[in-house]
Protein backbone atom coordinates (compact mmCIF):
# COMPACT_ATOMS: atom_id res chain seq x y z
CA MET A 1 3.35 4.99 -17.81
CA LYS A 2 6.35 3.62 -15.95
CA GLY A 3 6.70 -0.01 -14.92
CA THR A 4 3.26 -1.46 -15.64
CA GLU A 5 0.79 -2.06 -18.44
CA ARG A 6 -2.19 -2.82 -16.19
CA ILE A 7 -4.18 -0.69 -13.75
CA MET A 8 -3.41 -1.36 -10.08
CA LEU A 9 -5.05 -0.12 -6.90
CA GLY A 10 -2.06 2.18 -6.43
CA HIS A 11 -3.16 4.14 -9.49
CA GLY A 12 -6.04 5.47 -7.37
CA SER A 13 -3.97 6.36 -4.31
CA GLY A 14 -3.47 10.07 -4.91
CA GLY A 15 0.27 9.39 -4.89
CA LEU A 16 3.03 8.85 -7.42
CA LEU A 17 1.35 6.10 -9.47
CA MET A 18 -1.83 8.13 -9.80
CA HIS A 19 0.08 11.20 -10.97
CA GLU A 20 1.94 9.12 -13.55
CA LEU A 21 -1.38 7.70 -14.79
CA LEU A 22 -2.89 11.18 -15.05
CA GLU A 23 0.09 12.78 -16.78
CA ASP A 24 1.26 9.93 -19.02
CA GLU A 25 -2.11 8.57 -20.08
CA ILE A 26 -5.20 10.63 -19.28
CA VAL A 27 -4.00 14.22 -19.70
CA ALA A 28 -1.71 13.26 -22.58
CA ALA A 29 -4.63 11.66 -24.44
CA LEU A 30 -7.29 14.29 -23.67
CA GLY A 31 -5.13 17.37 -24.21
CA ARG A 32 -2.71 19.17 -21.92
CA GLY A 33 -3.78 22.57 -23.12
CA SER A 34 -7.38 22.17 -21.98
CA ILE A 35 -7.17 20.32 -18.64
CA GLN A 36 -6.36 22.58 -15.70
CA PRO A 37 -4.04 21.14 -13.00
CA ASP A 38 -6.02 22.13 -9.89
CA ASP A 39 -9.02 20.42 -8.26
CA ALA A 40 -11.48 22.29 -10.50
CA ALA A 41 -11.52 24.28 -13.73
CA VAL A 42 -12.04 28.05 -13.71
CA LEU A 43 -14.10 29.19 -16.70
CA PRO A 44 -14.80 32.84 -17.65
CA LEU A 45 -18.49 33.72 -18.02
CA ASP A 46 -20.10 37.16 -18.42
CA GLY A 47 -17.40 39.02 -16.55
CA GLY A 48 -17.25 36.53 -13.71
CA GLU A 49 -15.64 33.13 -13.21
CA VAL A 50 -17.51 29.84 -13.00
CA VAL A 51 -15.73 26.97 -11.25
CA PHE A 52 -16.52 23.47 -12.49
CA THR A 53 -15.53 20.07 -11.09
CA THR A 54 -16.46 16.40 -11.12
CA ASP A 55 -15.64 13.51 -8.79
CA SER A 56 -16.46 9.86 -8.13
CA PHE A 57 -16.83 8.05 -4.81
CA VAL A 58 -16.29 4.33 -4.25
CA VAL A 59 -15.61 4.32 -0.49
CA ASP A 60 -15.76 0.97 1.32
CA PRO A 61 -17.64 0.64 3.63
CA ILE A 62 -20.38 3.00 2.49
CA PHE A 63 -21.17 3.88 6.14
CA PHE A 64 -18.35 4.83 8.50
CA PRO A 65 -17.92 6.78 11.76
CA GLY A 66 -18.66 10.44 11.07
CA GLY A 67 -20.19 10.02 7.62
CA ASP A 68 -21.15 7.87 4.66
CA ILE A 69 -20.80 7.82 0.90
CA GLY A 70 -23.63 10.36 0.61
CA SER A 71 -22.15 13.06 2.84
CA LEU A 72 -18.68 12.32 1.46
CA SER A 73 -19.77 12.79 -2.15
CA VAL A 74 -21.40 16.15 -1.45
CA CYS A 75 -18.57 17.49 0.73
CA GLY A 76 -15.86 16.18 -1.58
CA THR A 77 -17.34 18.02 -4.56
CA VAL A 78 -18.18 21.17 -2.61
CA ASN A 79 -14.61 21.24 -1.31
CA ASP A 80 -13.08 20.95 -4.78
CA LEU A 81 -14.99 24.12 -5.68
CA ALA A 82 -14.17 25.87 -2.41
CA VAL A 83 -10.39 25.38 -2.69
CA MET A 84 -10.53 27.34 -5.95
CA GLY A 85 -12.11 30.25 -4.06
CA ALA A 86 -15.64 29.50 -5.26
CA LYS A 87 -19.01 29.53 -3.55
CA PRO A 88 -20.58 26.13 -4.35
CA LEU A 89 -24.05 26.43 -5.91
CA TYR A 90 -25.22 23.35 -7.83
CA LEU A 91 -24.53 19.62 -7.93
CA SER A 92 -25.45 16.75 -10.17
CA VAL A 93 -25.54 13.21 -8.76
CA ALA A 94 -25.15 9.97 -10.73
CA LEU A 95 -25.71 6.66 -8.92
CA ILE A 96 -24.50 3.20 -9.92
CA LEU A 97 -26.42 0.68 -7.83
CA GLU A 98 -25.53 -2.99 -7.49
CA GLU A 99 -28.35 -5.49 -7.78
CA GLY A 100 -29.24 -6.64 -4.27
CA LEU A 101 -28.47 -3.36 -2.49
CA PRO A 102 -30.99 -2.95 0.35
CA ILE A 103 -33.40 -0.14 -0.44
CA GLU A 104 -33.04 1.12 3.14
CA ASP A 105 -29.28 1.59 2.58
CA LEU A 106 -30.06 3.67 -0.52
CA ARG A 107 -32.62 5.72 1.41
CA ARG A 108 -30.12 6.33 4.20
CA VAL A 109 -27.47 7.54 1.72
CA LEU A 110 -29.94 9.81 -0.06
CA ARG A 111 -31.15 11.34 3.20
CA SER A 112 -27.53 12.03 4.16
CA MET A 113 -26.81 13.53 0.76
CA ARG A 114 -29.82 15.86 0.98
CA ARG A 115 -29.01 16.92 4.55
CA THR A 116 -25.37 17.62 3.71
CA ALA A 117 -26.29 19.60 0.60
CA ASP A 118 -28.76 21.70 2.57
CA GLU A 119 -26.13 22.40 5.24
CA ALA A 120 -23.58 23.36 2.57
CA GLY A 121 -26.05 25.67 0.81
CA VAL A 122 -25.98 23.79 -2.51
CA ARG A 123 -28.81 22.41 -4.62
CA ILE A 124 -28.84 18.99 -6.27
CA VAL A 125 -30.43 19.82 -9.62
CA THR A 126 -29.94 16.84 -11.93
CA GLY A 127 -28.53 13.34 -12.07
CA ASP A 128 -28.69 9.80 -13.38
CA THR A 129 -29.24 6.28 -12.01
CA LYS A 130 -28.00 2.94 -13.32
CA VAL A 131 -28.33 -0.60 -11.91
CA VAL A 132 -25.73 -3.28 -12.66
CA PRO A 133 -25.85 -7.03 -11.97
CA HIS A 134 -24.74 -8.39 -8.63
CA GLY A 135 -20.95 -8.61 -8.59
CA SER A 136 -20.46 -5.91 -11.22
CA ALA A 137 -20.05 -3.16 -8.61
CA ASP A 138 -19.74 -2.96 -4.82
CA LYS A 139 -23.08 -1.83 -3.37
CA LEU A 140 -23.13 1.80 -4.50
CA PHE A 141 -20.89 4.18 -6.46
CA VAL A 142 -21.57 7.92 -6.71
CA THR A 143 -20.39 10.45 -9.30
CA THR A 144 -20.99 14.14 -8.69
CA THR A 145 -20.44 17.30 -10.68
CA GLY A 146 -20.34 20.73 -9.07
CA ILE A 147 -20.67 24.31 -10.25
CA GLY A 148 -19.80 27.40 -8.24
CA LEU A 149 -18.99 31.09 -8.65
CA ARG A 150 -15.59 32.41 -7.69
CA LEU A 151 -15.59 34.93 -4.88
CA LYS A 152 -14.35 38.35 -5.95
CA GLY A 153 -10.71 38.85 -5.03
CA LEU A 154 -9.86 35.18 -4.39
CA ALA A 155 -7.86 33.37 -7.08
CA PRO A 156 -5.96 30.53 -5.38
CA SER A 157 -3.91 28.20 -7.57
CA SER A 158 -0.87 26.07 -6.82
CA SER A 159 0.94 27.83 -9.68
CA ARG A 160 0.84 31.07 -7.64
CA ILE A 161 2.99 29.74 -4.79
CA ARG A 162 6.11 31.85 -4.25
CA PRO A 163 9.32 31.62 -2.17
CA GLY A 164 8.66 33.04 1.28
CA ASP A 165 5.04 31.86 1.45
CA ALA A 166 3.88 30.42 4.75
CA LEU A 167 2.18 27.03 4.70
CA ILE A 168 -0.77 26.54 7.03
CA ALA A 169 -2.80 23.44 7.90
CA SER A 170 -6.34 24.30 8.96
CA GLY A 171 -6.64 21.49 11.49
CA SER A 172 -5.69 18.00 12.61
CA LEU A 173 -5.02 15.56 9.79
CA GLY A 174 -5.61 11.92 8.89
CA GLU A 175 -8.92 11.30 10.64
CA HIS A 176 -10.97 10.34 7.59
CA GLY A 177 -8.61 7.69 6.23
CA LEU A 178 -8.24 5.99 9.59
CA ALA A 179 -11.97 6.11 10.38
CA VAL A 180 -12.75 4.31 7.11
CA MET A 181 -9.94 1.78 7.46
CA LEU A 182 -10.76 0.85 11.07
CA ARG A 183 -14.44 0.34 10.26
CA ARG A 184 -13.61 -1.68 7.13
CA GLU A 185 -11.31 -4.01 9.05
CA GLY A 186 -13.56 -4.21 12.12
CA VAL A 187 -10.77 -2.94 14.36
CA GLU A 188 -11.56 -1.25 17.67
CA PHE A 189 -9.01 1.30 18.78
CA GLY A 190 -9.87 2.84 22.13
CA ALA A 191 -12.16 5.81 21.56
CA GLU A 192 -13.63 5.71 18.07
CA ILE A 193 -11.81 7.76 15.45
CA VAL A 194 -14.42 9.74 13.49
CA SER A 195 -14.07 11.02 9.93
CA ASP A 196 -13.58 14.77 9.57
CA VAL A 197 -15.76 14.91 6.42
CA ALA A 198 -17.20 18.43 6.17
CA SER A 199 -17.67 21.34 3.81
CA VAL A 200 -14.64 23.64 4.00
CA PHE A 201 -16.38 26.57 2.33
CA PRO A 202 -16.90 28.42 5.66
CA ILE A 203 -13.10 28.44 6.05
CA VAL A 204 -12.54 29.69 2.52
CA GLU A 205 -15.22 32.37 2.86
CA SER A 206 -13.48 33.70 5.99
CA LEU A 207 -10.35 34.26 3.87
CA LYS A 208 -12.05 36.58 1.39
CA PRO A 209 -10.70 39.78 3.05
CA PHE A 210 -7.13 38.61 2.38
CA GLY A 211 -7.74 38.42 -1.38
CA ASP A 212 -4.56 38.10 -3.40
CA ALA A 213 -2.49 37.11 -0.34
CA ILE A 214 -4.08 33.64 -0.45
CA HIS A 215 -1.87 32.05 -3.08
CA ALA A 216 -3.07 28.42 -2.96
CA ILE A 217 -5.59 26.22 -1.15
CA ARG A 218 -5.92 22.45 -1.33
CA ASP A 219 -7.71 19.77 0.68
CA PRO A 220 -5.33 16.89 1.51
CA THR A 221 -7.49 13.92 0.51
CA ARG A 222 -5.99 10.84 -1.21
CA GLY A 223 -2.27 10.67 -0.52
CA GLY A 224 -2.61 12.95 2.50
CA ILE A 225 -0.70 16.13 3.16
CA ALA A 226 2.51 14.62 1.75
CA SER A 227 0.97 14.36 -1.71
CA THR A 228 -0.60 17.81 -1.46
CA LEU A 229 2.70 19.45 -0.57
CA ASN A 230 4.50 17.61 -3.36
CA GLU A 231 1.83 18.84 -5.79
CA PHE A 232 2.48 22.37 -4.50
CA ALA A 233 6.22 21.95 -5.02
CA SER A 234 5.82 20.52 -8.53
CA ALA A 235 3.34 23.16 -9.70
CA SER A 236 5.39 26.07 -8.34
CA GLY A 237 8.89 24.73 -8.99
CA CYS A 238 9.76 25.50 -5.36
CA THR A 239 11.31 23.74 -2.40
CA ILE A 240 9.01 23.43 0.61
CA GLU A 241 10.23 22.89 4.18
CA ILE A 242 7.87 21.50 6.82
CA ASP A 243 8.30 21.21 10.58
CA GLU A 244 7.10 17.76 11.70
CA GLN A 245 6.31 18.98 15.21
CA ALA A 246 4.09 21.77 13.88
CA ILE A 247 1.82 19.43 11.89
CA PRO A 248 -1.46 19.07 13.81
CA LEU A 249 -2.18 15.39 14.55
CA ARG A 250 -4.45 14.01 17.24
CA ASP A 251 -2.83 11.56 19.65
CA ASP A 252 -5.24 8.76 18.70
CA VAL A 253 -4.49 9.22 15.00
CA ARG A 254 -0.76 9.24 15.65
CA GLY A 255 -1.05 6.16 17.86
CA ALA A 256 -3.18 4.21 15.38
CA CYS A 257 -0.73 5.00 12.59
CA GLU A 258 2.17 3.73 14.68
CA ILE A 259 0.35 0.48 15.46
CA PHE A 260 -0.67 -0.24 11.87
CA GLY A 261 2.51 1.02 10.23
CA PHE A 262 1.02 4.00 8.40
CA ASP A 263 2.69 7.33 7.83
CA PRO A 264 0.04 9.83 9.05
CA LEU A 265 1.26 12.34 6.46
CA HIS A 266 -0.03 9.97 3.76
CA VAL A 267 -3.48 9.48 5.35
CA ALA A 268 -6.46 11.35 3.89
CA SER A 269 -8.48 14.14 5.46
CA GLU A 270 -11.85 15.28 4.08
CA GLY A 271 -12.57 18.48 6.00
CA LYS A 272 -9.18 20.16 6.27
CA LEU A 273 -7.12 22.52 4.12
CA VAL A 274 -3.50 23.32 3.36
CA LEU A 275 -2.86 26.94 2.37
CA ALA A 276 0.06 28.87 0.90
CA VAL A 277 -0.12 32.47 2.14
CA ALA A 278 1.96 35.57 1.48
CA PRO A 279 4.40 35.86 4.43
CA GLY A 280 3.22 39.26 5.60
CA ASN A 281 -0.31 37.94 6.10
CA ALA A 282 0.40 34.56 7.70
CA THR A 283 -0.21 35.50 11.34
CA GLU A 284 -3.46 37.31 10.59
CA VAL A 285 -4.69 34.45 8.38
CA LEU A 286 -3.90 31.98 11.15
CA CYS A 287 -5.94 34.01 13.64
CA THR A 288 -8.83 34.17 11.20
CA LEU A 289 -8.75 30.41 10.64
CA ARG A 290 -8.78 29.78 14.39
CA SER A 291 -11.90 31.93 14.71
CA VAL A 292 -13.82 29.50 12.46
CA PRO A 293 -14.96 26.24 14.14
CA LEU A 294 -13.37 24.01 11.48
CA GLY A 295 -10.06 25.87 11.81
CA SER A 296 -9.80 26.07 15.58
CA ASN A 297 -6.48 24.19 15.75
CA ALA A 298 -4.90 25.59 12.60
CA SER A 299 -1.12 25.77 12.57
CA ILE A 300 1.71 27.25 10.50
CA ILE A 301 3.62 24.13 9.44
CA GLY A 302 6.37 25.41 7.16
CA THR A 303 7.57 27.73 4.43
CA VAL A 304 8.35 27.86 0.73
CA THR A 305 12.09 28.45 0.50
CA ASP A 306 13.43 28.78 -3.07
CA ARG A 307 13.09 27.70 -6.69
CA ARG A 308 16.18 25.51 -6.99
CA THR A 309 14.50 22.10 -6.74
CA PRO A 310 10.79 21.22 -6.52
CA ARG A 311 10.72 18.97 -3.45
CA VAL A 312 9.41 18.76 0.11
CA ILE A 313 11.82 18.57 3.05
CA LEU A 314 10.58 17.45 6.47
CA ARG A 315 12.40 18.74 9.53
CA THR A 316 11.92 15.81 11.90
CA ALA A 317 11.10 15.87 15.60
CA VAL A 318 14.62 14.62 16.43
CA GLY A 319 16.32 17.42 14.52
CA GLY A 320 17.05 15.64 11.24
CA ARG A 321 15.89 16.40 7.71
CA ARG A 322 14.48 14.04 5.11
CA ILE A 323 12.73 14.23 1.77
CA LEU A 324 8.97 13.80 2.16
CA GLU A 325 7.90 11.80 -0.87
CA MET A 326 4.50 11.26 -2.42
CA LEU A 327 2.80 8.00 -1.50
CA ALA A 328 4.34 5.41 -3.84
CA GLY A 329 1.69 2.67 -3.72
CA GLU A 330 -1.76 2.23 -2.18
CA GLN A 331 -1.70 2.60 1.58
CA LEU A 332 -5.48 2.76 2.16
CA PRO A 333 -7.56 1.82 -0.89
CA ARG A 334 -11.14 3.05 -1.44
CA ILE A 335 -11.28 5.75 1.20
CA CYS A 336 -13.23 8.18 -0.96
């Protein structure tokens, strides 16, 4: 691992440091041949494909505008299954509770978790609970594992991205990261920015008729869309070009980022998708996305150009071009 022998917050950012940690330490130690590079593993079973994923949630604060650690943990796990083309079915939930946590806070999180699971059509079927001394954790940490079945005909994977593919964002970006940060810091910014945390499976299900034309799907969480696109470029070996003016951003998100010095392309979303789609199907896919409530302001944001260099190029609003890098450090810690 380059440059450090201790774990830093930046190693959890979803950006460059996290990818170095994963590749140089975790994947190298556990076995490159067995760990799949996408958000979930696809496992053959009785002629079908089971999709399997696990995730942990340490968001601070545990309650934020538009959601909480309970709804976030369910949606985050459901979405990791959905972006692999799977219908989410079952979840496990493990809780680490800090001594002194108000029971009413726990009840509120559990009610949210149950409600979100019911809305997403998944069942919480097993779990575990541990309590640690005060100061050994921060209120409440959640670890979830999800199992789903892949929809027939859908097989998205970042390795399937090809030159000519259209890149589509399913909606406005950056709302989750800013909602958490503003609540954490106690900052008021005009109208309240609300997290976009939601299950994206309804969007993915609407794409089933396009089958093999859906080459890749990813939700731009930690590290934002910049990290997601760089992951696409690295996995496919392709150059990606993005039009800055086509990227859907709400005015309040853009304004807050300007005030606080954030690049909105590095800010997390929790209910949005980035898709790579065969060029002949892009317009029809866009229309389909816009017919689904969560995709109503979907936009084609760029294209995959060639296989010369795996990188992301941003065509700026003023007509220039620059390399869009992964997040290098930790812009917004503990947002998921």
